[in-house]
Amino acid sequence: MKLLTASALLCAMMALTAAQDECYVLKKSSSCPRDWTEYNNQCYFYVSTPLPWGDAQKNCQSMSANLASVQSLEEYQLIQRVISSGGRTWIGGSDGQQEGYWFWIDGTRFQYTNWCKDEPNNWGGNEQCMEMNFSGNQCMNDMPCQFQYPSVCIKRK
C-alpha cells in the first residue's frame, strides 16, 4: 500500500512539473502481459535481440503481437521511452509490396510518419523496411530488411 501511495505522490509531483504524460505513458498494467507497457488500450514490448525485420515480425507474432505501428508523435515518443537503449529499432512499416506505398504490418491506417529529412529514399533500390531512432534526429528511415536491429512489438488489449 505504501508503494502505491508513493507512486501516486510521484505522479502528482510530476504533473506539477508539467511531466504529467509520464505517469500514464509508462504505466505497467495487469491487462498487459508482464514487462509490457500500456498506452491507449495497447501493450508495447521492446525486444533487445537484433533480428532481420521479417524475423522480428515473426517473433512479435509468437507473442500474439505485431511490430509496432505509430499513429501520432505522442505514440512515437512513448515507443522511444519503451526502447531502453534509444538505438535504431525496427517498427512495423514496410513498402515491400509496392515501392513507395507504405503500410503498417498490423493493418492500421498509415497516416502518421516521422521521416528523417530526404527519407524514405530507397537508397540502393533495396530499402523496404522501417526503423526508428535513426540519426541524431531520432526519426524514421527506410532500411534493407535483412539488417538486424532490436524491435518493438504492439498488441491490442
N, C-alpha and C. Protein backbone atom coordinates (compact mmCIF):
# COMPACT_ATOMS: atom_id res chain seq x y z
N MET A 1 0.83 -1.19 0.00
CA MET A 1 0.00 0.00 0.00
C MET A 1 0.87 1.26 0.00
N LYS A 2 1.99 1.23 0.74
CA LYS A 2 2.88 2.38 0.79
C LYS A 2 3.48 2.66 -0.58
N LEU A 3 3.81 1.58 -1.34
CA LEU A 3 4.37 1.75 -2.68
C LEU A 3 3.35 2.42 -3.60
N LEU A 4 2.09 2.01 -3.53
CA LEU A 4 1.04 2.62 -4.34
C LEU A 4 0.88 4.09 -3.99
N THR A 5 0.90 4.41 -2.70
CA THR A 5 0.79 5.80 -2.26
C THR A 5 1.98 6.61 -2.75
N ALA A 6 3.17 6.03 -2.66
CA ALA A 6 4.37 6.73 -3.14
C ALA A 6 4.31 6.95 -4.64
N SER A 7 3.80 5.97 -5.40
CA SER A 7 3.67 6.12 -6.85
C SER A 7 2.68 7.23 -7.20
N ALA A 8 1.55 7.26 -6.48
CA ALA A 8 0.56 8.31 -6.72
C ALA A 8 1.14 9.68 -6.40
N LEU A 9 1.88 9.77 -5.31
CA LEU A 9 2.52 11.03 -4.93
C LEU A 9 3.53 11.47 -5.99
N LEU A 10 4.33 10.50 -6.49
CA LEU A 10 5.31 10.81 -7.53
C LEU A 10 4.62 11.34 -8.79
N CYS A 11 3.54 10.71 -9.20
CA CYS A 11 2.80 11.18 -10.38
C CYS A 11 2.23 12.58 -10.15
N ALA A 12 1.72 12.81 -8.97
CA ALA A 12 1.19 14.14 -8.66
C ALA A 12 2.29 15.19 -8.73
N MET A 13 3.46 14.86 -8.21
CA MET A 13 4.57 15.80 -8.26
C MET A 13 5.01 16.03 -9.71
N MET A 14 5.04 14.96 -10.51
CA MET A 14 5.44 15.10 -11.91
C MET A 14 4.43 15.97 -12.67
N ALA A 15 3.14 15.82 -12.35
CA ALA A 15 2.12 16.61 -13.01
C ALA A 15 2.33 18.10 -12.72
N LEU A 16 2.75 18.39 -11.52
CA LEU A 16 3.00 19.77 -11.15
C LEU A 16 4.21 20.35 -11.89
N THR A 17 5.08 19.48 -12.38
CA THR A 17 6.25 19.96 -13.12
C THR A 17 6.07 19.78 -14.62
N ALA A 18 4.83 19.68 -15.07
CA ALA A 18 4.48 19.61 -16.49
C ALA A 18 4.98 18.34 -17.17
N ALA A 19 5.15 17.27 -16.41
CA ALA A 19 5.55 15.99 -16.99
C ALA A 19 4.44 14.97 -16.78
N GLN A 20 3.21 15.41 -16.81
CA GLN A 20 2.09 14.55 -16.47
C GLN A 20 1.96 13.34 -17.37
N ASP A 21 2.37 13.41 -18.63
CA ASP A 21 2.24 12.28 -19.54
C ASP A 21 3.03 11.08 -19.06
N GLU A 22 4.15 11.29 -18.40
CA GLU A 22 5.00 10.19 -17.96
C GLU A 22 4.24 9.24 -17.04
N CYS A 23 3.34 9.74 -16.20
CA CYS A 23 2.63 8.89 -15.26
C CYS A 23 1.77 7.89 -16.01
N TYR A 24 1.07 8.33 -17.03
CA TYR A 24 0.18 7.46 -17.78
C TYR A 24 0.95 6.65 -18.81
N VAL A 25 1.88 7.30 -19.49
CA VAL A 25 2.56 6.70 -20.62
C VAL A 25 3.31 5.43 -20.27
N LEU A 26 4.05 5.42 -19.19
CA LEU A 26 4.85 4.26 -18.86
C LEU A 26 4.19 3.39 -17.79
N LYS A 27 2.89 3.43 -17.74
CA LYS A 27 2.13 2.68 -16.76
C LYS A 27 2.21 1.18 -17.06
N LYS A 28 2.56 0.41 -16.05
CA LYS A 28 2.50 -1.04 -16.15
C LYS A 28 1.10 -1.46 -15.74
N SER A 29 0.52 -2.44 -16.43
CA SER A 29 -0.86 -2.77 -16.18
C SER A 29 -1.06 -4.27 -16.14
N SER A 30 -1.99 -4.70 -15.31
CA SER A 30 -2.30 -6.12 -15.25
C SER A 30 -3.03 -6.56 -16.52
N SER A 31 -3.57 -5.63 -17.31
CA SER A 31 -4.25 -6.02 -18.54
C SER A 31 -3.25 -6.24 -19.68
N CYS A 32 -2.01 -5.86 -19.50
CA CYS A 32 -0.93 -6.17 -20.44
C CYS A 32 -0.08 -7.27 -19.80
N PRO A 33 0.56 -8.09 -20.63
CA PRO A 33 1.45 -9.11 -20.06
C PRO A 33 2.57 -8.46 -19.23
N ARG A 34 3.14 -9.25 -18.36
CA ARG A 34 4.24 -8.77 -17.52
C ARG A 34 5.35 -8.21 -18.39
N ASP A 35 5.93 -7.10 -17.98
CA ASP A 35 7.03 -6.41 -18.65
C ASP A 35 6.60 -5.69 -19.93
N TRP A 36 5.31 -5.65 -20.25
CA TRP A 36 4.81 -4.86 -21.37
C TRP A 36 4.35 -3.53 -20.82
N THR A 37 4.35 -2.50 -21.65
CA THR A 37 3.94 -1.16 -21.26
C THR A 37 2.59 -0.84 -21.90
N GLU A 38 1.67 -0.32 -21.09
CA GLU A 38 0.34 0.02 -21.57
C GLU A 38 0.28 1.48 -22.00
N TYR A 39 -0.40 1.70 -23.12
CA TYR A 39 -0.68 3.06 -23.57
C TYR A 39 -1.87 3.01 -24.52
N ASN A 40 -2.90 3.77 -24.24
CA ASN A 40 -4.03 3.94 -25.15
C ASN A 40 -4.63 2.60 -25.59
N ASN A 41 -4.92 1.73 -24.64
CA ASN A 41 -5.51 0.41 -24.89
C ASN A 41 -4.63 -0.51 -25.73
N GLN A 42 -3.33 -0.29 -25.67
CA GLN A 42 -2.38 -1.14 -26.38
C GLN A 42 -1.24 -1.49 -25.43
N CYS A 43 -0.54 -2.57 -25.76
CA CYS A 43 0.59 -3.02 -24.97
C CYS A 43 1.83 -3.04 -25.87
N TYR A 44 2.95 -2.56 -25.35
CA TYR A 44 4.20 -2.44 -26.11
C TYR A 44 5.30 -3.22 -25.40
N PHE A 45 6.16 -3.84 -26.21
CA PHE A 45 7.26 -4.62 -25.66
C PHE A 45 8.50 -4.42 -26.50
N TYR A 46 9.61 -4.13 -25.84
CA TYR A 46 10.90 -3.95 -26.51
C TYR A 46 11.64 -5.29 -26.55
N VAL A 47 12.05 -5.69 -27.74
CA VAL A 47 12.83 -6.92 -27.93
C VAL A 47 14.26 -6.48 -28.23
N SER A 48 15.16 -6.73 -27.31
CA SER A 48 16.53 -6.24 -27.46
C SER A 48 17.38 -7.08 -28.41
N THR A 49 16.95 -8.28 -28.72
CA THR A 49 17.71 -9.16 -29.62
C THR A 49 17.65 -8.63 -31.05
N PRO A 50 18.79 -8.34 -31.68
CA PRO A 50 18.78 -7.87 -33.07
C PRO A 50 18.36 -8.99 -34.01
N LEU A 51 17.39 -8.70 -34.87
CA LEU A 51 16.87 -9.66 -35.85
C LEU A 51 16.60 -8.93 -37.16
N PRO A 52 16.58 -9.65 -38.29
CA PRO A 52 16.08 -9.04 -39.53
C PRO A 52 14.60 -8.69 -39.33
N TRP A 53 14.08 -7.76 -40.12
CA TRP A 53 12.71 -7.26 -39.95
C TRP A 53 11.69 -8.40 -39.97
N GLY A 54 11.77 -9.29 -40.93
CA GLY A 54 10.80 -10.39 -41.04
C GLY A 54 10.84 -11.30 -39.82
N ASP A 55 12.04 -11.61 -39.32
CA ASP A 55 12.16 -12.44 -38.12
C ASP A 55 11.65 -11.68 -36.89
N ALA A 56 11.85 -10.38 -36.86
CA ALA A 56 11.32 -9.57 -35.75
C ALA A 56 9.80 -9.63 -35.74
N GLN A 57 9.18 -9.56 -36.93
CA GLN A 57 7.72 -9.67 -37.02
C GLN A 57 7.26 -11.06 -36.57
N LYS A 58 7.96 -12.11 -37.00
CA LYS A 58 7.60 -13.48 -36.58
C LYS A 58 7.72 -13.61 -35.06
N ASN A 59 8.75 -13.00 -34.49
CA ASN A 59 8.92 -13.03 -33.04
C ASN A 59 7.75 -12.34 -32.34
N CYS A 60 7.35 -11.17 -32.85
CA CYS A 60 6.18 -10.49 -32.28
C CYS A 60 4.94 -11.38 -32.40
N GLN A 61 4.75 -12.02 -33.55
CA GLN A 61 3.59 -12.88 -33.75
C GLN A 61 3.59 -14.04 -32.76
N SER A 62 4.77 -14.52 -32.38
CA SER A 62 4.84 -15.61 -31.41
C SER A 62 4.31 -15.17 -30.04
N MET A 63 4.21 -13.85 -29.84
CA MET A 63 3.67 -13.28 -28.59
C MET A 63 2.27 -12.70 -28.83
N SER A 64 1.61 -13.13 -29.92
CA SER A 64 0.27 -12.62 -30.30
C SER A 64 0.29 -11.12 -30.51
N ALA A 65 1.35 -10.62 -31.15
CA ALA A 65 1.53 -9.19 -31.40
C ALA A 65 2.07 -8.99 -32.81
N ASN A 66 2.34 -7.75 -33.17
CA ASN A 66 2.96 -7.37 -34.43
C ASN A 66 4.03 -6.33 -34.14
N LEU A 67 4.92 -6.11 -35.11
CA LEU A 67 5.80 -4.96 -35.00
C LEU A 67 4.94 -3.72 -34.84
N ALA A 68 5.42 -2.76 -34.07
CA ALA A 68 4.61 -1.59 -33.70
C ALA A 68 4.30 -0.69 -34.88
N SER A 69 3.07 -0.22 -34.89
CA SER A 69 2.66 0.86 -35.78
C SER A 69 2.66 2.14 -34.96
N VAL A 70 2.69 3.28 -35.63
CA VAL A 70 2.75 4.57 -34.94
C VAL A 70 1.67 5.47 -35.53
N GLN A 71 0.81 6.01 -34.67
CA GLN A 71 -0.30 6.83 -35.13
C GLN A 71 -0.19 8.31 -34.77
N SER A 72 0.83 8.67 -33.97
CA SER A 72 0.96 10.07 -33.56
C SER A 72 2.37 10.31 -33.02
N LEU A 73 2.73 11.58 -32.91
CA LEU A 73 4.01 11.94 -32.30
C LEU A 73 4.04 11.47 -30.85
N GLU A 74 2.94 11.60 -30.14
CA GLU A 74 2.88 11.16 -28.74
C GLU A 74 3.19 9.66 -28.64
N GLU A 75 2.63 8.86 -29.55
CA GLU A 75 2.89 7.43 -29.53
C GLU A 75 4.34 7.14 -29.92
N TYR A 76 4.87 7.88 -30.89
CA TYR A 76 6.28 7.71 -31.27
C TYR A 76 7.19 7.95 -30.07
N GLN A 77 6.90 9.00 -29.32
CA GLN A 77 7.70 9.32 -28.14
C GLN A 77 7.54 8.27 -27.05
N LEU A 78 6.33 7.72 -26.91
CA LEU A 78 6.13 6.63 -25.95
C LEU A 78 7.00 5.43 -26.34
N ILE A 79 7.01 5.06 -27.62
CA ILE A 79 7.81 3.93 -28.07
C ILE A 79 9.29 4.21 -27.83
N GLN A 80 9.71 5.44 -28.02
CA GLN A 80 11.10 5.78 -27.72
C GLN A 80 11.42 5.53 -26.25
N ARG A 81 10.47 5.80 -25.36
CA ARG A 81 10.71 5.56 -23.94
C ARG A 81 10.71 4.06 -23.61
N VAL A 82 9.94 3.27 -24.38
CA VAL A 82 9.92 1.82 -24.19
C VAL A 82 11.26 1.22 -24.59
N ILE A 83 11.90 1.81 -25.59
CA ILE A 83 13.20 1.32 -26.06
C ILE A 83 14.25 1.71 -25.05
N SER A 84 14.81 0.74 -24.39
CA SER A 84 15.74 1.05 -23.29
C SER A 84 17.05 1.64 -23.78
N SER A 85 17.51 1.23 -24.96
CA SER A 85 18.82 1.70 -25.44
C SER A 85 18.74 3.03 -26.19
N GLY A 86 17.57 3.37 -26.73
CA GLY A 86 17.43 4.57 -27.54
C GLY A 86 18.02 4.42 -28.93
N GLY A 87 18.47 3.22 -29.27
CA GLY A 87 19.11 2.99 -30.56
C GLY A 87 18.14 2.66 -31.68
N ARG A 88 18.70 2.43 -32.84
CA ARG A 88 17.93 2.10 -34.03
C ARG A 88 17.13 0.82 -33.78
N THR A 89 15.85 0.86 -34.14
CA THR A 89 14.91 -0.20 -33.79
C THR A 89 13.89 -0.40 -34.89
N TRP A 90 13.59 -1.67 -35.21
CA TRP A 90 12.54 -1.96 -36.19
C TRP A 90 11.16 -1.65 -35.62
N ILE A 91 10.32 -1.05 -36.48
CA ILE A 91 8.89 -0.95 -36.22
C ILE A 91 8.19 -1.51 -37.46
N GLY A 92 6.88 -1.54 -37.46
CA GLY A 92 6.13 -2.31 -38.44
C GLY A 92 5.80 -1.69 -39.78
N GLY A 93 6.52 -0.68 -40.22
CA GLY A 93 6.27 -0.08 -41.53
C GLY A 93 7.04 -0.79 -42.63
N SER A 94 6.40 -0.93 -43.80
CA SER A 94 7.06 -1.56 -44.95
C SER A 94 6.44 -1.06 -46.25
N ASP A 95 7.26 -0.99 -47.28
CA ASP A 95 6.74 -0.77 -48.64
C ASP A 95 7.21 -1.92 -49.54
N GLY A 96 7.34 -3.10 -48.94
CA GLY A 96 7.83 -4.27 -49.64
C GLY A 96 6.90 -4.80 -50.72
N GLN A 97 5.63 -4.47 -50.65
CA GLN A 97 4.68 -4.94 -51.67
C GLN A 97 4.70 -4.06 -52.91
N GLN A 98 4.88 -2.77 -52.70
CA GLN A 98 4.92 -1.81 -53.81
C GLN A 98 5.77 -0.62 -53.37
N GLU A 99 6.82 -0.35 -54.10
CA GLU A 99 7.74 0.73 -53.76
C GLU A 99 6.99 2.06 -53.60
N GLY A 100 7.22 2.71 -52.45
CA GLY A 100 6.61 4.00 -52.18
C GLY A 100 5.24 3.93 -51.54
N TYR A 101 4.63 2.74 -51.47
CA TYR A 101 3.33 2.56 -50.82
C TYR A 101 3.57 1.91 -49.46
N TRP A 102 3.62 2.73 -48.42
CA TRP A 102 3.94 2.25 -47.08
C TRP A 102 2.69 1.79 -46.35
N PHE A 103 2.81 0.72 -45.60
CA PHE A 103 1.71 0.21 -44.79
C PHE A 103 2.25 -0.27 -43.45
N TRP A 104 1.35 -0.41 -42.47
CA TRP A 104 1.70 -0.97 -41.17
C TRP A 104 1.35 -2.44 -41.19
N ILE A 105 2.25 -3.29 -40.73
CA ILE A 105 2.06 -4.74 -40.75
C ILE A 105 0.86 -5.17 -39.92
N ASP A 106 0.46 -4.37 -38.92
CA ASP A 106 -0.70 -4.75 -38.10
C ASP A 106 -2.03 -4.32 -38.72
N GLY A 107 -1.98 -3.72 -39.91
CA GLY A 107 -3.20 -3.37 -40.63
C GLY A 107 -3.80 -2.02 -40.28
N THR A 108 -3.22 -1.29 -39.33
CA THR A 108 -3.76 0.03 -39.01
C THR A 108 -3.46 1.00 -40.14
N ARG A 109 -4.25 2.04 -40.22
CA ARG A 109 -4.12 3.03 -41.28
C ARG A 109 -2.76 3.73 -41.19
N PHE A 110 -2.11 3.88 -42.32
CA PHE A 110 -0.80 4.54 -42.37
C PHE A 110 -1.03 6.03 -42.59
N GLN A 111 -1.03 6.79 -41.49
CA GLN A 111 -1.32 8.22 -41.60
C GLN A 111 -0.26 9.10 -40.95
N TYR A 112 0.46 8.59 -39.97
CA TYR A 112 1.49 9.39 -39.28
C TYR A 112 2.87 8.88 -39.66
N THR A 113 3.79 9.81 -39.92
CA THR A 113 5.20 9.45 -40.10
C THR A 113 6.07 10.50 -39.43
N ASN A 114 7.27 10.10 -39.15
CA ASN A 114 8.28 10.99 -38.60
C ASN A 114 9.58 10.73 -39.37
N TRP A 115 9.47 10.81 -40.71
CA TRP A 115 10.61 10.52 -41.56
C TRP A 115 11.74 11.52 -41.33
N CYS A 116 12.96 11.05 -41.42
CA CYS A 116 14.12 11.93 -41.42
C CYS A 116 14.10 12.72 -42.73
N LYS A 117 14.86 13.81 -42.77
CA LYS A 117 14.95 14.62 -43.98
C LYS A 117 15.41 13.76 -45.16
N ASP A 118 14.73 13.90 -46.29
CA ASP A 118 15.03 13.17 -47.53
C ASP A 118 14.77 11.67 -47.43
N GLU A 119 13.98 11.26 -46.48
CA GLU A 119 13.59 9.85 -46.34
C GLU A 119 12.08 9.73 -46.54
N PRO A 120 11.58 8.60 -46.96
CA PRO A 120 12.33 7.41 -47.38
C PRO A 120 12.94 7.63 -48.77
N ASN A 121 14.10 7.06 -48.99
CA ASN A 121 14.76 7.29 -50.27
C ASN A 121 15.09 6.01 -51.04
N ASN A 122 14.80 4.85 -50.46
CA ASN A 122 15.07 3.57 -51.11
C ASN A 122 16.49 3.51 -51.66
N TRP A 123 17.44 3.98 -50.88
CA TRP A 123 18.84 4.04 -51.30
C TRP A 123 19.31 2.66 -51.75
N GLY A 124 19.91 2.59 -52.90
CA GLY A 124 20.38 1.32 -53.45
C GLY A 124 19.28 0.44 -53.99
N GLY A 125 18.04 0.94 -53.98
CA GLY A 125 16.91 0.18 -54.51
C GLY A 125 16.50 -1.02 -53.65
N ASN A 126 16.89 -1.00 -52.37
CA ASN A 126 16.64 -2.18 -51.55
C ASN A 126 16.26 -1.83 -50.12
N GLU A 127 15.48 -0.77 -49.93
CA GLU A 127 15.08 -0.38 -48.57
C GLU A 127 13.56 -0.42 -48.45
N GLN A 128 13.07 -1.54 -47.94
CA GLN A 128 11.61 -1.72 -47.84
C GLN A 128 11.09 -1.78 -46.41
N CYS A 129 11.96 -1.67 -45.41
CA CYS A 129 11.51 -1.80 -44.02
C CYS A 129 11.84 -0.56 -43.21
N MET A 130 11.04 -0.30 -42.18
CA MET A 130 11.14 0.94 -41.41
C MET A 130 11.82 0.74 -40.07
N GLU A 131 12.76 1.62 -39.81
CA GLU A 131 13.38 1.70 -38.49
C GLU A 131 13.05 3.06 -37.88
N MET A 132 13.18 3.14 -36.58
CA MET A 132 13.04 4.42 -35.89
C MET A 132 14.33 4.70 -35.13
N ASN A 133 14.45 5.93 -34.64
CA ASN A 133 15.64 6.39 -33.90
C ASN A 133 16.88 6.44 -34.79
N PHE A 134 16.68 6.78 -36.05
CA PHE A 134 17.79 6.91 -36.99
C PHE A 134 18.42 8.30 -36.85
N SER A 135 19.69 8.36 -36.90
CA SER A 135 20.49 9.60 -36.87
C SER A 135 20.29 10.38 -35.57
N GLY A 136 20.92 11.52 -35.50
CA GLY A 136 20.80 12.37 -34.32
C GLY A 136 19.41 12.93 -34.14
N ASN A 137 18.59 12.89 -35.19
CA ASN A 137 17.23 13.40 -35.09
C ASN A 137 16.24 12.37 -34.57
N GLN A 138 16.70 11.12 -34.39
CA GLN A 138 15.84 10.06 -33.85
C GLN A 138 14.55 9.91 -34.65
N CYS A 139 14.66 9.90 -35.96
CA CYS A 139 13.49 9.86 -36.82
C CYS A 139 13.39 8.53 -37.55
N MET A 140 12.39 8.41 -38.44
CA MET A 140 12.15 7.19 -39.21
C MET A 140 13.02 7.17 -40.46
N ASN A 141 13.37 5.96 -40.86
CA ASN A 141 14.23 5.75 -42.03
C ASN A 141 13.85 4.42 -42.67
N ASP A 142 14.02 4.33 -43.99
CA ASP A 142 13.85 3.04 -44.66
C ASP A 142 15.20 2.35 -44.74
N MET A 143 15.20 1.04 -44.52
CA MET A 143 16.44 0.24 -44.47
C MET A 143 16.20 -1.11 -45.14
N PRO A 144 17.28 -1.76 -45.60
CA PRO A 144 17.13 -3.13 -46.09
C PRO A 144 16.63 -4.04 -44.97
N CYS A 145 15.67 -4.88 -45.28
CA CYS A 145 15.01 -5.71 -44.27
C CYS A 145 15.93 -6.74 -43.64
N GLN A 146 17.02 -7.09 -44.30
CA GLN A 146 17.92 -8.11 -43.74
C GLN A 146 18.85 -7.56 -42.66
N PHE A 147 18.94 -6.24 -42.51
CA PHE A 147 19.74 -5.69 -41.41
C PHE A 147 19.13 -6.19 -40.10
N GLN A 148 19.94 -6.27 -39.08
CA GLN A 148 19.47 -6.78 -37.80
C GLN A 148 19.45 -5.67 -36.74
N TYR A 149 18.24 -5.44 -36.21
CA TYR A 149 18.03 -4.44 -35.17
C TYR A 149 17.12 -5.02 -34.09
N PRO A 150 17.14 -4.43 -32.90
CA PRO A 150 16.10 -4.73 -31.92
C PRO A 150 14.75 -4.29 -32.50
N SER A 151 13.66 -4.57 -31.81
CA SER A 151 12.34 -4.24 -32.33
C SER A 151 11.38 -3.93 -31.19
N VAL A 152 10.23 -3.35 -31.58
CA VAL A 152 9.15 -3.09 -30.62
C VAL A 152 7.89 -3.75 -31.15
N CYS A 153 7.27 -4.55 -30.28
CA CYS A 153 6.01 -5.24 -30.60
C CYS A 153 4.85 -4.47 -29.98
N ILE A 154 3.68 -4.61 -30.61
CA ILE A 154 2.45 -4.00 -30.10
C ILE A 154 1.33 -5.03 -30.16
N LYS A 155 0.50 -5.02 -29.12
CA LYS A 155 -0.71 -5.84 -29.16
C LYS A 155 -1.86 -5.04 -28.59
N ARG A 156 -3.03 -5.25 -29.16
CA ARG A 156 -4.24 -4.60 -28.69
C ARG A 156 -4.75 -5.35 -27.45
N LYS A 157 -5.31 -4.60 -26.52
CA LYS A 157 -5.86 -5.25 -25.33
C LYS A 157 -7.24 -5.77 -25.62
